[in-house]
C-alpha atoms as a PDB file:
ATOM      1  CA  MET A   1     102.183  64.039  78.626  1.00  0.00           C
ATOM      2  CA  ILE A   2     101.853  67.819  77.784  1.00  0.00           C
ATOM      3  CA  LEU A   3      98.403  67.652  79.746  1.00  0.00           C
ATOM      4  CA  LEU A   4     100.272  66.310  82.935  1.00  0.00           C
ATOM      5  CA  LEU A   5     103.040  69.305  82.419  1.00  0.00           C
ATOM      6  CA  PHE A   6     100.008  71.888  82.332  1.00  0.00           C
ATOM      7  CA  TYR A   7      98.617  70.446  85.629  1.00  0.00           C
ATOM      8  CA  ALA A   8     101.943  70.719  87.233  1.00  0.00           C
ATOM      9  CA  LEU A   9     102.605  74.110  86.070  1.00  0.00           C
ATOM     10  CA  ALA A  10      99.071  75.341  87.168  1.00  0.00           C
ATOM     11  CA  ILE A  11      99.696  73.864  90.553  1.00  0.00           C
ATOM     12  CA  ALA A  12     103.076  75.254  91.057  1.00  0.00           C
ATOM     13  CA  ALA A  13     101.934  78.297  90.037  1.00  0.00           C
ATOM     14  CA  ILE A  14      98.864  77.987  92.321  1.00  0.00           C
ATOM     15  CA  ILE A  15     101.415  77.198  95.513  1.00  0.00           C
ATOM     16  CA  SER A  16     103.706  80.053  94.612  1.00  0.00           C
ATOM     17  CA  GLN A  17     100.615  82.626  94.508  1.00  0.00           C
ATOM     18  CA  THR A  18      99.182  81.335  98.123  1.00  0.00           C
ATOM     19  CA  ILE A  19     102.102  82.136  99.856  1.00  0.00           C
ATOM     20  CA  HIS A  20     101.624  85.965  98.742  1.00  0.00           C
ATOM     21  CA  SER A  21      98.108  85.701  99.364  1.00  0.00           C
ATOM     22  CA  TRP A  22      98.606  84.267 102.744  1.00  0.00           C
ATOM     23  CA  PHE A  23     100.962  87.269 104.032  1.00  0.00           C
ATOM     24  CA  VAL A  24      98.630  89.520 103.552  1.00  0.00           C
ATOM     25  CA  PHE A  25      95.134  87.737 104.536  1.00  0.00           C
ATOM     26  CA  LYS A  26      96.898  87.022 107.673  1.00  0.00           C
ATOM     27  CA  SER A  27      97.889  90.722 107.896  1.00  0.00           C
ATOM     28  CA  PHE A  28      94.241  91.579 107.845  1.00  0.00           C
ATOM     29  CA  SER A  29      92.720  88.956 110.171  1.00  0.00           C
ATOM     30  CA  ARG A  30      91.666  90.049 113.421  1.00  0.00           C
ATOM     31  CA  LEU A  31      91.810  86.381 114.865  1.00  0.00           C
ATOM     32  CA  GLU A  32      94.355  85.049 117.052  1.00  0.00           C
ATOM     33  CA  GLY A  33      96.947  82.194 117.113  1.00  0.00           C
ATOM     34  CA  GLY A  34      96.543  79.108 114.737  1.00  0.00           C
ATOM     35  CA  VAL A  35      92.985  79.814 113.851  1.00  0.00           C
ATOM     36  CA  LYS A  36      94.370  83.143 112.148  1.00  0.00           C
ATOM     37  CA  THR A  37      96.802  80.965 110.104  1.00  0.00           C
ATOM     38  CA  PHE A  38      94.171  78.419 109.044  1.00  0.00           C
ATOM     39  CA  GLN A  39      91.937  81.568 107.644  1.00  0.00           C
ATOM     40  CA  ALA A  40      94.609  83.101 105.731  1.00  0.00           C
ATOM     41  CA  ILE A  41      95.466  79.546 104.452  1.00  0.00           C
ATOM     42  CA  ILE A  42      91.794  78.906 103.426  1.00  0.00           C
ATOM     43  CA  PHE A  43      91.183  82.241 102.204  1.00  0.00           C
ATOM     44  CA  CYS A  44      94.302  82.496  99.917  1.00  0.00           C
ATOM     45  CA  SER A  45      93.950  78.823  98.769  1.00  0.00           C
ATOM     46  CA  ILE A  46      90.071  79.636  97.540  1.00  0.00           C
ATOM     47  CA  ILE A  47      91.251  82.667  95.333  1.00  0.00           C
ATOM     48  CA  SER A  48      93.891  80.922  93.499  1.00  0.00           C
ATOM     49  CA  VAL A  49      92.101  77.467  93.150  1.00  0.00           C
ATOM     50  CA  ALA A  50      88.880  79.768  91.987  1.00  0.00           C
ATOM     51  CA  ILE A  51      90.922  80.897  88.911  1.00  0.00           C
ATOM     52  CA  PHE A  52      91.356  77.416  88.005  1.00  0.00           C
ATOM     53  CA  ALA A  53      87.927  76.245  88.549  1.00  0.00           C
ATOM     54  CA  PHE A  54      86.277  79.039  86.630  1.00  0.00           C
ATOM     55  CA  VAL A  55      88.203  78.287  83.533  1.00  0.00           C
ATOM     56  CA  ILE A  56      87.419  74.831  83.772  1.00  0.00           C
ATOM     57  CA  VAL A  57      83.428  75.564  84.208  1.00  0.00           C
ATOM     58  CA  LYS A  58      83.923  78.043  80.976  1.00  0.00           C
ATOM     59  CA  LYS A  59      83.331  81.111  83.089  1.00  0.00           C
ATOM     60  CA  PRO A  60      86.694  83.048  81.839  1.00  0.00           C
ATOM     61  CA  GLU A  61      85.413  86.609  82.959  1.00  0.00           C
ATOM     62  CA  LEU A  62      85.162  85.198  86.793  1.00  0.00           C
ATOM     63  CA  ALA A  63      88.715  83.615  86.404  1.00  0.00           C
ATOM     64  CA  ALA A  64      89.993  87.095  84.979  1.00  0.00           C
ATOM     65  CA  LEU A  65      88.452  88.930  87.852  1.00  0.00           C
ATOM     66  CA  GLY A  66      90.017  86.372  90.203  1.00  0.00           C
ATOM     67  CA  ALA A  67      93.580  86.882  88.664  1.00  0.00           C
ATOM     68  CA  PHE A  68      93.170  90.904  88.803  1.00  0.00           C
ATOM     69  CA  ILE A  69      91.978  90.312  92.550  1.00  0.00           C
ATOM     70  CA  GLU A  70      95.704  88.194  93.069  1.00  0.00           C
ATOM     71  CA  ILE A  71      97.576  91.124  91.043  1.00  0.00           C
ATOM     72  CA  VAL A  72      96.041  93.776  93.458  1.00  0.00           C
ATOM     73  CA  ILE A  73      97.226  91.388  96.331  1.00  0.00           C
ATOM     74  CA  ASN A  74     100.453  90.857  95.041  1.00  0.00           C
ATOM     75  CA  ILE A  75     101.275  94.596  94.461  1.00  0.00           C
ATOM     76  CA  TYR A  76     100.152  95.396  98.124  1.00  0.00           C
ATOM     77  CA  TYR A  77     102.530  92.405  99.462  1.00  0.00           C
ATOM     78  CA  TYR A  78     105.563  94.176  97.283  1.00  0.00           C
ATOM     79  CA  GLY A  79     104.287  97.633  98.371  1.00  0.00           C
ATOM     80  CA  GLN A  80     104.455  96.866 102.028  1.00  0.00           C
ATOM     81  CA  GLU A  81     108.082  98.091 102.387  1.00  0.00           C
ATOM     82  CA  TYR A  82     107.116 101.224 100.648  1.00  0.00           C
ATOM     83  CA  PHE A  83     104.398 102.054 102.865  1.00  0.00           C
ATOM     84  CA  GLN A  84     106.225 100.791 106.213  1.00  0.00           C
ATOM     85  CA  LYS A  85     109.350 102.822 105.612  1.00  0.00           C
ATOM     86  CA  GLY A  86     107.354 105.831 104.422  1.00  0.00           C
ATOM     87  CA  ILE A  87     108.781 108.584 102.079  1.00  0.00           C
ATOM     88  CA  THR A  88     112.015 109.500 103.405  1.00  0.00           C
ATOM     89  CA  THR A  89     113.441 111.387 100.554  1.00  0.00           C
ATOM     90  CA  THR A  90     111.346 113.605  98.076  1.00  0.00           C
ATOM     91  CA  LYS A  91     108.181 111.677  96.708  1.00  0.00           C
ATOM     92  CA  LYS A  92     109.680 111.309  93.456  1.00  0.00           C
ATOM     93  CA  ASN A  93     113.224 109.611  94.545  1.00  0.00           C
ATOM     94  CA  ALA A  94     111.218 107.544  97.075  1.00  0.00           C
ATOM     95  CA  ILE A  95     109.128 105.918  94.213  1.00  0.00           C
ATOM     96  CA  LEU A  96     111.755 105.625  91.878  1.00  0.00           C
ATOM     97  CA  ASN A  97     114.103 103.717  94.363  1.00  0.00           C
ATOM     98  CA  TRP A  98     111.269 101.409  95.144  1.00  0.00           C
ATOM     99  CA  TRP A  99     110.618 100.449  91.680  1.00  0.00           C
ATOM    100  CA  ARG A 100     114.264 100.216  91.092  1.00  0.00           C
ATOM    101  CA  ILE A 101     114.422  97.547  94.028  1.00  0.00           C
ATOM    102  CA  ASN A 102     111.125  95.617  93.268  1.00  0.00           C
ATOM    103  CA  TRP A 103     110.207  95.925  89.607  1.00  0.00           C
ATOM    104  CA  ILE A 104     110.939  91.990  88.920  1.00  0.00           C
ATOM    105  CA  ALA A 105     108.878  91.024  92.109  1.00  0.00           C
ATOM    106  CA  ILE A 106     105.943  93.578  90.572  1.00  0.00           C
ATOM    107  CA  PHE A 107     106.427  91.664  87.061  1.00  0.00           C
ATOM    108  CA  PHE A 108     106.406  87.862  88.646  1.00  0.00           C
ATOM    109  CA  GLY A 109     103.238  89.558  90.946  1.00  0.00           C
ATOM    110  CA  ILE A 110     101.344  90.116  87.877  1.00  0.00           C
ATOM    111  CA  LEU A 111     102.893  87.171  86.094  1.00  0.00           C
ATOM    112  CA  ILE A 112     101.859  84.570  88.303  1.00  0.00           C
ATOM    113  CA  PRO A 113      98.032  85.029  88.386  1.00  0.00           C
ATOM    114  CA  VAL A 114      97.973  85.494  84.653  1.00  0.00           C
ATOM    115  CA  LEU A 115      99.761  82.252  84.237  1.00  0.00           C
ATOM    116  CA  ILE A 116      97.443  80.099  86.504  1.00  0.00           C
ATOM    117  CA  TYR A 117      94.761  81.646  84.157  1.00  0.00           C
ATOM    118  CA  VAL A 118      96.801  80.575  80.987  1.00  0.00           C
ATOM    119  CA  PHE A 119      97.809  77.425  82.157  1.00  0.00           C
ATOM    120  CA  SER A 120      94.067  76.551  82.919  1.00  0.00           C
ATOM    121  CA  LEU A 121      92.888  77.524  79.376  1.00  0.00           C
ATOM    122  CA  GLU A 122      95.532  75.094  78.167  1.00  0.00           C
ATOM    123  CA  ILE A 123      94.225  72.225  80.332  1.00  0.00           C
ATOM    124  CA  ILE A 124      90.976  72.618  78.862  1.00  0.00           C
ATOM    125  CA  ASN A 125      92.092  72.836  75.297  1.00  0.00           C
ATOM    126  CA  LEU A 126      94.109  70.074  75.936  1.00  0.00           C
ATOM    127  CA  SER A 127      91.409  67.875  77.551  1.00  0.00           C
END
């Protein structure tokens, strides 16, 4: 029963992370229309599932690298607002204002990839 819970948690974390990664990959793609969306879905799914897969095949260093890449993607995702609006006040105030608004998003942007890694480890330990 606990094993199924960790599978469900890992799948939920992967789906949650995939949404952030999809936005980033779609914004970088040079393709058009449905192909652009399809490419973004495939890329973002590969990274999130790779963390899970690398833990299962006992390559934790590669899983940790995948989690780090997703953390960078998430920080980029949440940093878009800051970079799109630009610095409207002094640099110090702009960064502090952005941090006050987005600190919880950054926290979860770091937490979700780490949780995928941890849930994957627990699945291995319980199997």
